[in-house]
PDB file of N, CA and C in Angstrom:
ATOM      1  N   UNK A   1      18.446 -29.513   1.409  1.00  0.00           N
ATOM      2  CA  UNK A   1      19.132 -28.584   0.738  1.00  0.00           C
ATOM      3  C   UNK A   1      20.802 -28.452   1.508  1.00  0.00           C
ATOM      4  N   UNK A   2      21.509 -28.783   0.417  1.00  0.00           N
ATOM      5  CA  UNK A   2      23.136 -29.340   1.210  1.00  0.00           C
ATOM      6  C   UNK A   2      23.854 -27.777   1.558  1.00  0.00           C
ATOM      7  N   UNK A   3      24.432 -27.535   2.154  1.00  0.00           N
ATOM      8  CA  UNK A   3      25.430 -26.143   2.292  1.00  0.00           C
ATOM      9  C   UNK A   3      26.759 -26.251   1.799  1.00  0.00           C
ATOM     10  N   UNK A   4      27.096 -27.542   1.271  1.00  0.00           N
ATOM     11  CA  UNK A   4      28.463 -27.659   0.984  1.00  0.00           C
ATOM     12  C   UNK A   4      28.171 -27.539  -0.484  1.00  0.00           C
ATOM     13  N   UNK A   5      29.427 -27.181  -1.163  1.00  0.00           N
ATOM     14  CA  UNK A   5      29.388 -26.701  -2.419  1.00  0.00           C
ATOM     15  C   UNK A   5      28.966 -28.018  -3.469  1.00  0.00           C
ATOM     16  N   UNK A   6      28.550 -28.300  -4.693  1.00  0.00           N
ATOM     17  CA  UNK A   6      27.981 -29.509  -5.440  1.00  0.00           C
ATOM     18  C   UNK A   6      29.752 -29.748  -5.929  1.00  0.00           C
ATOM     19  N   UNK A   7      30.446 -28.910  -6.423  1.00  0.00           N
ATOM     20  CA  UNK A   7      31.436 -29.595  -6.925  1.00  0.00           C
ATOM     21  C   UNK A   7      32.584 -30.597  -6.099  1.00  0.00           C
ATOM     22  N   UNK A   8      32.286 -30.200  -4.924  1.00  0.00           N
ATOM     23  CA  UNK A   8      33.085 -31.073  -3.819  1.00  0.00           C
ATOM     24  C   UNK A   8      32.785 -31.852  -3.374  1.00  0.00           C
ATOM     25  N   UNK A   9      31.353 -32.633  -3.582  1.00  0.00           N
ATOM     26  CA  UNK A   9      30.453 -33.795  -2.998  1.00  0.00           C
ATOM     27  C   UNK A   9      30.300 -33.546  -1.924  1.00  0.00           C
ATOM     28  N   UNK A  10      29.916 -34.609  -0.996  1.00  0.00           N
ATOM     29  CA  UNK A  10      29.595 -35.076   0.420  1.00  0.00           C
ATOM     30  C   UNK A  10      30.636 -35.419   0.895  1.00  0.00           C
ATOM     31  N   UNK A  11      30.739 -34.994   2.254  1.00  0.00           N
ATOM     32  CA  UNK A  11      31.740 -35.154   2.985  1.00  0.00           C
ATOM     33  C   UNK A  11      31.716 -36.509   4.051  1.00  0.00           C
ATOM     34  N   UNK A  12      32.487 -37.488   3.849  1.00  0.00           N
ATOM     35  CA  UNK A  12      32.755 -38.775   4.338  1.00  0.00           C
ATOM     36  C   UNK A  12      34.031 -38.773   5.122  1.00  0.00           C
ATOM     37  N   UNK A  13      34.075 -39.173   6.412  1.00  0.00           N
ATOM     38  CA  UNK A  13      35.280 -39.500   7.089  1.00  0.00           C
ATOM     39  C   UNK A  13      35.958 -40.713   6.414  1.00  0.00           C
ATOM     40  N   UNK A  14      37.304 -40.578   6.694  1.00  0.00           N
ATOM     41  CA  UNK A  14      38.270 -41.590   5.981  1.00  0.00           C
ATOM     42  C   UNK A  14      38.098 -42.996   6.764  1.00  0.00           C
ATOM     43  N   UNK A  15      37.866 -42.885   7.858  1.00  0.00           N
ATOM     44  CA  UNK A  15      37.546 -44.112   8.632  1.00  0.00           C
ATOM     45  C   UNK A  15      36.186 -44.922   8.135  1.00  0.00           C
ATOM     46  N   UNK A  16      35.081 -44.054   7.645  1.00  0.00           N
ATOM     47  CA  UNK A  16      33.922 -44.989   7.113  1.00  0.00           C
ATOM     48  C   UNK A  16      34.216 -44.772   5.811  1.00  0.00           C
ATOM     49  N   UNK A  17      34.934 -44.423   4.887  1.00  0.00           N
ATOM     50  CA  UNK A  17      35.317 -44.783   3.506  1.00  0.00           C
ATOM     51  C   UNK A  17      36.038 -46.397   3.529  1.00  0.00           C
ATOM     52  N   UNK A  18      36.808 -46.455   4.646  1.00  0.00           N
ATOM     53  CA  UNK A  18      37.471 -48.090   4.906  1.00  0.00           C
ATOM     54  C   UNK A  18      36.546 -48.928   5.457  1.00  0.00           C
ATOM     55  N   UNK A  19      35.511 -48.557   6.105  1.00  0.00           N
ATOM     56  CA  UNK A  19      34.289 -49.825   6.241  1.00  0.00           C
ATOM     57  C   UNK A  19      33.656 -49.972   5.530  1.00  0.00           C
ATOM     58  N   UNK A  20      33.490 -48.820   4.331  1.00  0.00           N
ATOM     59  CA  UNK A  20      32.584 -49.162   3.189  1.00  0.00           C
ATOM     60  C   UNK A  20      33.216 -50.416   2.537  1.00  0.00           C
ATOM     61  N   UNK A  21      34.087 -51.245   2.511  1.00  0.00           N
ATOM     62  CA  UNK A  21      34.302 -52.025   1.842  1.00  0.00           C
ATOM     63  C   UNK A  21      34.251 -53.367   2.529  1.00  0.00           C
ATOM     64  N   UNK A  22      34.185 -53.138   4.126  1.00  0.00           N
ATOM     65  CA  UNK A  22      34.006 -54.382   5.017  1.00  0.00           C
ATOM     66  C   UNK A  22      32.896 -53.866   5.918  1.00  0.00           C
ATOM     67  N   UNK A  23      31.516 -54.217   5.571  1.00  0.00           N
ATOM     68  CA  UNK A  23      30.024 -53.736   6.389  1.00  0.00           C
ATOM     69  C   UNK A  23      29.997 -54.326   7.751  1.00  0.00           C
ATOM     70  N   UNK A  24      30.610 -55.664   7.653  1.00  0.00           N
ATOM     71  CA  UNK A  24      30.715 -56.377   8.843  1.00  0.00           C
ATOM     72  C   UNK A  24      31.391 -55.407  10.097  1.00  0.00           C
ATOM     73  N   UNK A  25      32.499 -54.372   9.417  1.00  0.00           N
ATOM     74  CA  UNK A  25      33.119 -53.781  10.464  1.00  0.00           C
ATOM     75  C   UNK A  25      32.094 -52.915  11.138  1.00  0.00           C
ATOM     76  N   UNK A  26      31.498 -52.343  10.315  1.00  0.00           N
ATOM     77  CA  UNK A  26      30.136 -50.890  10.688  1.00  0.00           C
ATOM     78  C   UNK A  26      28.983 -51.327  11.615  1.00  0.00           C
ATOM     79  N   UNK A  27      28.869 -52.708  11.727  1.00  0.00           N
ATOM     80  CA  UNK A  27      27.644 -53.224  12.383  1.00  0.00           C
ATOM     81  C   UNK A  27      28.073 -52.941  14.138  1.00  0.00           C
ATOM     82  N   UNK A  28      27.045 -52.408  14.619  1.00  0.00           N
ATOM     83  CA  UNK A  28      26.816 -51.801  15.837  1.00  0.00           C
ATOM     84  C   UNK A  28      28.161 -51.254  16.640  1.00  0.00           C
ATOM     85  N   UNK A  29      28.882 -50.429  15.756  1.00  0.00           N
ATOM     86  CA  UNK A  29      29.904 -49.647  15.950  1.00  0.00           C
ATOM     87  C   UNK A  29      29.497 -48.459  16.530  1.00  0.00           C
ATOM     88  N   UNK A  30      30.687 -47.838  17.189  1.00  0.00           N
ATOM     89  CA  UNK A  30      30.310 -46.562  17.928  1.00  0.00           C
ATOM     90  C   UNK A  30      30.811 -45.460  16.655  1.00  0.00           C
ATOM     91  N   UNK A  31      29.868 -44.510  16.380  1.00  0.00           N
ATOM     92  CA  UNK A  31      30.589 -43.537  15.266  1.00  0.00           C
ATOM     93  C   UNK A  31      30.410 -42.138  15.826  1.00  0.00           C
ATOM     94  N   UNK A  32      31.621 -41.086  16.272  1.00  0.00           N
ATOM     95  CA  UNK A  32      31.952 -40.243  16.962  1.00  0.00           C
ATOM     96  C   UNK A  32      31.525 -39.091  16.023  1.00  0.00           C
ATOM     97  N   UNK A  33      31.243 -39.490  14.642  1.00  0.00           N
ATOM     98  CA  UNK A  33      31.785 -38.378  13.485  1.00  0.00           C
ATOM     99  C   UNK A  33      30.264 -37.660  13.072  1.00  0.00           C
ATOM    100  N   UNK A  34      29.802 -36.836  13.642  1.00  0.00           N
ATOM    101  CA  UNK A  34      28.620 -36.850  13.253  1.00  0.00           C
ATOM    102  C   UNK A  34      28.298 -35.592  12.141  1.00  0.00           C
ATOM    103  N   UNK A  35      29.584 -35.179  11.499  1.00  0.00           N
ATOM    104  CA  UNK A  35      29.512 -34.339  10.293  1.00  0.00           C
ATOM    105  C   UNK A  35      29.555 -35.280   9.109  1.00  0.00           C
ATOM    106  N   UNK A  36      29.912 -36.334   8.926  1.00  0.00           N
ATOM    107  CA  UNK A  36      29.778 -37.689   7.925  1.00  0.00           C
ATOM    108  C   UNK A  36      28.236 -37.499   6.871  1.00  0.00           C
ATOM    109  N   UNK A  37      28.385 -37.848   5.600  1.00  0.00           N
ATOM    110  CA  UNK A  37      27.184 -37.916   5.157  1.00  0.00           C
ATOM    111  C   UNK A  37      26.754 -39.439   5.268  1.00  0.00           C
ATOM    112  N   UNK A  38      25.609 -39.977   4.940  1.00  0.00           N
ATOM    113  CA  UNK A  38      25.542 -41.175   5.065  1.00  0.00           C
ATOM    114  C   UNK A  38      25.193 -41.704   3.245  1.00  0.00           C
ATOM    115  N   UNK A  39      26.346 -42.566   3.207  1.00  0.00           N
ATOM    116  CA  UNK A  39      26.266 -43.559   1.939  1.00  0.00           C
ATOM    117  C   UNK A  39      25.552 -44.410   1.542  1.00  0.00           C
ATOM    118  N   UNK A  40      24.941 -45.013   0.316  1.00  0.00           N
ATOM    119  CA  UNK A  40      24.458 -45.755   0.306  1.00  0.00           C
ATOM    120  C   UNK A  40      24.704 -46.849   0.505  1.00  0.00           C
ATOM    121  N   UNK A  41      26.112 -47.407   0.523  1.00  0.00           N
ATOM    122  CA  UNK A  41      26.267 -48.837   1.051  1.00  0.00           C
ATOM    123  C   UNK A  41      26.181 -49.127   2.319  1.00  0.00           C
ATOM    124  N   UNK A  42      25.846 -48.358   3.594  1.00  0.00           N
ATOM    125  CA  UNK A  42      25.025 -48.288   4.658  1.00  0.00           C
ATOM    126  C   UNK A  42      23.918 -48.925   4.884  1.00  0.00           C
ATOM    127  N   UNK A  43      23.169 -48.988   3.997  1.00  0.00           N
ATOM    128  CA  UNK A  43      21.552 -49.246   4.032  1.00  0.00           C
ATOM    129  C   UNK A  43      21.477 -50.307   4.750  1.00  0.00           C
ATOM    130  N   UNK A  44      20.434 -50.727   5.578  1.00  0.00           N
ATOM    131  CA  UNK A  44      20.205 -51.646   6.569  1.00  0.00           C
ATOM    132  C   UNK A  44      21.226 -51.659   7.750  1.00  0.00           C
ATOM    133  N   UNK A  45      22.046 -51.174   7.679  1.00  0.00           N
ATOM    134  CA  UNK A  45      23.044 -51.302   9.094  1.00  0.00           C
ATOM    135  C   UNK A  45      22.372 -50.648  10.461  1.00  0.00           C
ATOM    136  N   UNK A  46      23.027 -51.176  11.339  1.00  0.00           N
ATOM    137  CA  UNK A  46      22.868 -50.473  12.441  1.00  0.00           C
ATOM    138  C   UNK A  46      23.914 -50.101  13.412  1.00  0.00           C
ATOM    139  N   UNK A  47      23.942 -48.582  13.272  1.00  0.00           N
ATOM    140  CA  UNK A  47      25.027 -47.866  14.288  1.00  0.00           C
ATOM    141  C   UNK A  47      24.674 -47.442  15.387  1.00  0.00           C
ATOM    142  N   UNK A  48      25.927 -47.174  16.270  1.00  0.00           N
ATOM    143  CA  UNK A  48      25.728 -46.062  17.368  1.00  0.00           C
ATOM    144  C   UNK A  48      26.137 -44.819  17.181  1.00  0.00           C
ATOM    145  N   UNK A  49      25.389 -43.671  16.812  1.00  0.00           N
ATOM    146  CA  UNK A  49      26.095 -42.116  16.816  1.00  0.00           C
ATOM    147  C   UNK A  49      26.004 -41.514  18.129  1.00  0.00           C
ATOM    148  N   UNK A  50      27.167 -41.074  18.772  1.00  0.00           N
ATOM    149  CA  UNK A  50      27.389 -40.779  19.770  1.00  0.00           C
ATOM    150  C   UNK A  50      27.085 -39.111  20.161  1.00  0.00           C
ATOM    151  N   UNK A  51      26.012 -38.848  20.786  1.00  0.00           N
ATOM    152  CA  UNK A  51      25.298 -37.388  20.690  1.00  0.00           C
ATOM    153  C   UNK A  51      25.711 -36.604  21.752  1.00  0.00           C
ATOM    154  N   UNK A  52      26.829 -36.797  22.278  1.00  0.00           N
ATOM    155  CA  UNK A  52      27.578 -35.843  23.410  1.00  0.00           C
ATOM    156  C   UNK A  52      27.081 -36.416  24.652  1.00  0.00           C
ATOM    157  N   UNK A  53      26.493 -37.321  24.942  1.00  0.00           N
ATOM    158  CA  UNK A  53      26.132 -38.287  26.369  1.00  0.00           C
ATOM    159  C   UNK A  53      26.397 -39.312  26.188  1.00  0.00           C
ATOM    160  N   UNK A  54      25.477 -40.091  25.265  1.00  0.00           N
ATOM    161  CA  UNK A  54      25.707 -41.443  24.804  1.00  0.00           C
ATOM    162  C   UNK A  54      25.382 -41.889  23.643  1.00  0.00           C
ATOM    163  N   UNK A  55      25.849 -42.933  23.074  1.00  0.00           N
ATOM    164  CA  UNK A  55      25.941 -43.391  21.917  1.00  0.00           C
ATOM    165  C   UNK A  55      24.595 -43.993  21.548  1.00  0.00           C
ATOM    166  N   UNK A  56      23.958 -43.957  20.873  1.00  0.00           N
ATOM    167  CA  UNK A  56      22.122 -43.820  20.683  1.00  0.00           C
ATOM    168  C   UNK A  56      22.162 -45.027  19.209  1.00  0.00           C
ATOM    169  N   UNK A  57      21.517 -46.040  19.256  1.00  0.00           N
ATOM    170  CA  UNK A  57      21.722 -46.818  18.234  1.00  0.00           C
ATOM    171  C   UNK A  57      20.323 -46.611  17.033  1.00  0.00           C
ATOM    172  N   UNK A  58      21.177 -46.619  15.856  1.00  0.00           N
ATOM    173  CA  UNK A  58      20.228 -45.984  14.599  1.00  0.00           C
ATOM    174  C   UNK A  58      20.093 -46.985  13.684  1.00  0.00           C
ATOM    175  N   UNK A  59      18.959 -47.607  12.997  1.00  0.00           N
ATOM    176  CA  UNK A  59      19.570 -47.923  12.058  1.00  0.00           C
ATOM    177  C   UNK A  59      19.055 -47.329  10.717  1.00  0.00           C
ATOM    178  N   UNK A  60      20.196 -47.505   9.556  1.00  0.00           N
ATOM    179  CA  UNK A  60      20.140 -46.559   8.518  1.00  0.00           C
ATOM    180  C   UNK A  60      18.991 -47.505   7.483  1.00  0.00           C
ATOM    181  N   UNK A  61      18.240 -46.404   6.940  1.00  0.00           N
ATOM    182  CA  UNK A  61      17.291 -46.667   5.738  1.00  0.00           C
ATOM    183  C   UNK A  61      17.472 -46.344   4.563  1.00  0.00           C
ATOM    184  N   UNK A  62      16.936 -46.275   3.234  1.00  0.00           N
ATOM    185  CA  UNK A  62      17.129 -45.620   2.287  1.00  0.00           C
ATOM    186  C   UNK A  62      16.969 -44.219   2.231  1.00  0.00           C
ATOM    187  N   UNK A  63      16.079 -43.990   3.241  1.00  0.00           N
ATOM    188  CA  UNK A  63      15.399 -42.348   3.242  1.00  0.00           C
ATOM    189  C   UNK A  63      16.391 -41.365   3.818  1.00  0.00           C
ATOM    190  N   UNK A  64      17.281 -42.234   4.318  1.00  0.00           N
ATOM    191  CA  UNK A  64      18.362 -41.355   5.671  1.00  0.00           C
ATOM    192  C   UNK A  64      19.492 -41.320   4.620  1.00  0.00           C
ATOM    193  N   UNK A  65      19.711 -41.670   3.570  1.00  0.00           N
ATOM    194  CA  UNK A  65      20.879 -41.679   2.513  1.00  0.00           C
ATOM    195  C   UNK A  65      21.205 -40.372   2.311  1.00  0.00           C
ATOM    196  N   UNK A  66      22.345 -39.533   2.246  1.00  0.00           N
ATOM    197  CA  UNK A  66      22.813 -38.263   1.734  1.00  0.00           C
ATOM    198  C   UNK A  66      22.363 -37.399   2.832  1.00  0.00           C
ATOM    199  N   UNK A  67      21.882 -37.701   3.917  1.00  0.00           N
ATOM    200  CA  UNK A  67      21.847 -36.887   5.499  1.00  0.00           C
ATOM    201  C   UNK A  67      22.976 -36.868   5.945  1.00  0.00           C
ATOM    202  N   UNK A  68      23.207 -35.958   6.986  1.00  0.00           N
ATOM    203  CA  UNK A  68      24.114 -35.630   7.934  1.00  0.00           C
ATOM    204  C   UNK A  68      24.002 -36.822   8.857  1.00  0.00           C
ATOM    205  N   UNK A  69      24.549 -37.447   9.486  1.00  0.00           N
ATOM    206  CA  UNK A  69      24.363 -38.313  10.929  1.00  0.00           C
ATOM    207  C   UNK A  69      24.090 -37.601  11.862  1.00  0.00           C
ATOM    208  N   UNK A  70      23.912 -36.251  12.153  1.00  0.00           N
ATOM    209  CA  UNK A  70      23.770 -35.486  13.265  1.00  0.00           C
ATOM    210  C   UNK A  70      22.067 -35.357  13.202  1.00  0.00           C
ATOM    211  N   UNK A  71      21.603 -35.699  12.040  1.00  0.00           N
ATOM    212  CA  UNK A  71      20.013 -35.244  11.752  1.00  0.00           C
ATOM    213  C   UNK A  71      19.424 -36.490  11.877  1.00  0.00           C
ATOM    214  N   UNK A  72      20.284 -37.790  12.530  1.00  0.00           N
ATOM    215  CA  UNK A  72      19.881 -38.813  12.500  1.00  0.00           C
ATOM    216  C   UNK A  72      19.149 -38.527  14.199  1.00  0.00           C
ATOM    217  N   UNK A  73      19.937 -37.657  14.737  1.00  0.00           N
ATOM    218  CA  UNK A  73      19.984 -37.699  16.447  1.00  0.00           C
ATOM    219  C   UNK A  73      18.643 -36.780  16.762  1.00  0.00           C
ATOM    220  N   UNK A  74      17.863 -36.993  17.717  1.00  0.00           N
ATOM    221  CA  UNK A  74      16.816 -35.948  18.098  1.00  0.00           C
ATOM    222  C   UNK A  74      17.156 -35.840  19.646  1.00  0.00           C
ATOM    223  N   UNK A  75      17.634 -34.801  19.484  1.00  0.00           N
ATOM    224  CA  UNK A  75      18.039 -33.892  20.921  1.00  0.00           C
ATOM    225  C   UNK A  75      17.250 -33.317  21.933  1.00  0.00           C
ATOM    226  N   UNK A  76      16.182 -32.550  21.198  1.00  0.00           N
ATOM    227  CA  UNK A  76      15.076 -31.791  22.379  1.00  0.00           C
ATOM    228  C   UNK A  76      14.043 -32.277  22.159  1.00  0.00           C
ATOM    229  N   UNK A  77      13.748 -33.349  22.484  1.00  0.00           N
ATOM    230  CA  UNK A  77      12.358 -34.066  22.517  1.00  0.00           C
ATOM    231  C   UNK A  77      11.877 -34.536  24.180  1.00  0.00           C
ATOM    232  N   UNK A  78      10.727 -34.226  24.462  1.00  0.00           N
ATOM    233  CA  UNK A  78      10.382 -34.759  26.031  1.00  0.00           C
ATOM    234  C   UNK A  78      10.805 -36.296  26.085  1.00  0.00           C
ATOM    235  N   UNK A  79      10.947 -36.440  27.344  1.00  0.00           N
ATOM    236  CA  UNK A  79      11.870 -37.776  27.697  1.00  0.00           C
ATOM    237  C   UNK A  79       9.862 -38.683  27.992  1.00  0.00           C
ATOM    238  N   UNK A  80      10.505 -39.606  27.644  1.00  0.00           N
ATOM    239  CA  UNK A  80       8.958 -40.710  27.677  1.00  0.00           C
ATOM    240  C   UNK A  80       8.867 -41.558  28.817  1.00  0.00           C
ATOM    241  N   UNK A  81       8.221 -42.377  29.577  1.00  0.00           N
ATOM    242  CA  UNK A  81       8.283 -43.234  30.116  1.00  0.00           C
ATOM    243  C   UNK A  81       7.040 -43.715  29.923  1.00  0.00           C
ATOM    244  N   UNK A  82       6.644 -44.829  30.816  1.00  0.00           N
ATOM    245  CA  UNK A  82       5.628 -46.147  30.364  1.00  0.00           C
ATOM    246  C   UNK A  82       4.590 -45.663  31.571  1.00  0.00           C
ATOM    247  N   UNK A  83       3.657 -45.705  31.100  1.00  0.00           N
ATOM    248  CA  UNK A  83       2.472 -45.066  32.353  1.00  0.00           C
ATOM    249  C   UNK A  83       1.879 -46.540  33.102  1.00  0.00           C
ATOM    250  N   UNK A  84       0.603 -46.632  33.576  1.00  0.00           N
ATOM    251  CA  UNK A  84       0.362 -47.495  34.458  1.00  0.00           C
ATOM    252  C   UNK A  84      -0.095 -48.563  33.323  1.00  0.00           C
ATOM    253  N   UNK A  85      -0.430 -48.583  32.294  1.00  0.00           N
ATOM    254  CA  UNK A  85      -1.124 -49.681  31.905  1.00  0.00           C
ATOM    255  C   UNK A  85      -0.235 -50.246  30.581  1.00  0.00           C
ATOM    256  N   UNK A  86       1.290 -49.521  30.733  1.00  0.00           N
ATOM    257  CA  UNK A  86       2.010 -50.079  29.533  1.00  0.00           C
ATOM    258  C   UNK A  86       2.166 -49.247  28.096  1.00  0.00           C
ATOM    259  N   UNK A  87       1.423 -48.046  28.603  1.00  0.00           N
ATOM    260  CA  UNK A  87       1.207 -47.289  27.340  1.00  0.00           C
ATOM    261  C   UNK A  87       2.426 -46.089  27.354  1.00  0.00           C
ATOM    262  N   UNK A  88       3.014 -45.458  26.602  1.00  0.00           N
ATOM    263  CA  UNK A  88       3.850 -44.517  26.546  1.00  0.00           C
ATOM    264  C   UNK A  88       3.273 -43.010  26.840  1.00  0.00           C
ATOM    265  N   UNK A  89       3.820 -42.514  27.863  1.00  0.00           N
ATOM    266  CA  UNK A  89       3.440 -41.103  28.388  1.00  0.00           C
ATOM    267  C   UNK A  89       4.203 -40.024  28.337  1.00  0.00           C
ATOM    268  N   UNK A  90       4.041 -39.132  28.016  1.00  0.00           N
ATOM    269  CA  UNK A  90       5.113 -37.847  27.502  1.00  0.00           C
ATOM    270  C   UNK A  90       5.545 -37.214  29.396  1.00  0.00           C
ATOM    271  N   UNK A  91       6.223 -37.482  29.728  1.00  0.00           N
ATOM    272  CA  UNK A  91       6.942 -36.797  30.967  1.00  0.00           C
ATOM    273  C   UNK A  91       7.340 -35.420  31.030  1.00  0.00           C
ATOM    274  N   UNK A  92       6.567 -34.383  31.837  1.00  0.00           N
ATOM    275  CA  UNK A  92       6.862 -33.010  31.509  1.00  0.00           C
ATOM    276  C   UNK A  92       8.177 -32.730  32.033  1.00  0.00           C
ATOM    277  N   UNK A  93       8.701 -31.567  31.551  1.00  0.00           N
ATOM    278  CA  UNK A  93       9.833 -31.130  31.487  1.00  0.00           C
ATOM    279  C   UNK A  93       9.753 -30.303  32.778  1.00  0.00           C
ATOM    280  N   UNK A  94      10.759 -30.065  33.711  1.00  0.00           N
ATOM    281  CA  UNK A  94      11.154 -29.446  35.377  1.00  0.00           C
ATOM    282  C   UNK A  94      10.385 -28.147  35.115  1.00  0.00           C
ATOM    283  N   UNK A  95      10.851 -27.414  33.820  1.00  0.00           N
ATOM    284  CA  UNK A  95      10.168 -25.693  33.751  1.00  0.00           C
ATOM    285  C   UNK A  95       8.801 -25.655  33.480  1.00  0.00           C
ATOM    286  N   UNK A  96       8.024 -26.808  33.154  1.00  0.00           N
ATOM    287  CA  UNK A  96       6.728 -26.851  33.118  1.00  0.00           C
ATOM    288  C   UNK A  96       6.064 -26.959  34.239  1.00  0.00           C
ATOM    289  N   UNK A  97       6.712 -27.466  35.206  1.00  0.00           N
ATOM    290  CA  UNK A  97       6.069 -28.098  36.563  1.00  0.00           C
ATOM    291  C   UNK A  97       6.357 -27.035  37.472  1.00  0.00           C
ATOM    292  N   UNK A  98       7.137 -26.035  37.450  1.00  0.00           N
ATOM    293  CA  UNK A  98       7.322 -24.847  38.386  1.00  0.00           C
ATOM    294  C   UNK A  98       5.945 -23.909  38.436  1.00  0.00           C
ATOM    295  N   UNK A  99       5.676 -23.241  39.029  1.00  0.00           N
ATOM    296  CA  UNK A  99       4.634 -22.355  39.170  1.00  0.00           C
ATOM    297  C   UNK A  99       4.947 -20.981  39.009  1.00  0.00           C
ATOM    298  N   UNK A 100       4.479 -20.375  37.890  1.00  0.00           N
ATOM    299  CA  UNK A 100       5.101 -18.584  37.599  1.00  0.00           C
ATOM    300  C   UNK A 100       3.868 -17.807  38.059  1.00  0.00           C
ATOM    301  N   UNK A 101       4.055 -17.123  39.036  1.00  0.00           N
ATOM    302  CA  UNK A 101       3.399 -15.956  39.504  1.00  0.00           C
ATOM    303  C   UNK A 101       3.558 -14.650  39.216  1.00  0.00           C
ATOM    304  N   UNK A 102       3.075 -13.826  38.928  1.00  0.00           N
ATOM    305  CA  UNK A 102       3.034 -12.326  38.564  1.00  0.00           C
ATOM    306  C   UNK A 102       2.517 -11.099  39.546  1.00  0.00           C
ATOM    307  N   UNK A 103       2.960 -10.398  40.076  1.00  0.00           N
ATOM    308  CA  UNK A 103       2.592  -9.421  40.603  1.00  0.00           C
ATOM    309  C   UNK A 103       1.648  -8.216  40.162  1.00  0.00           C
TER     310      UNK A 103
END
């Protein structure tokens, strides 16, 4: 459900509109604008979207067209690390490890 009025259309930053003509400029480029919508011309491109700490690589597919770039990033996930046999295991967060005692 879009929050922007329909008559305005989707918002895309000006530098992304310039890159729409030359897709080769967009490949592996850092994008700091998370407010821009994803255009259909960017399908099958991989970009790096800045999440506030590090740029994360994301491949744009047809399912992601029309969404905001900030929705592509997953911020509140548990950290993952590899287990003893190469399988991925969820790492507990710090507040799970603390023991809470009630009197």
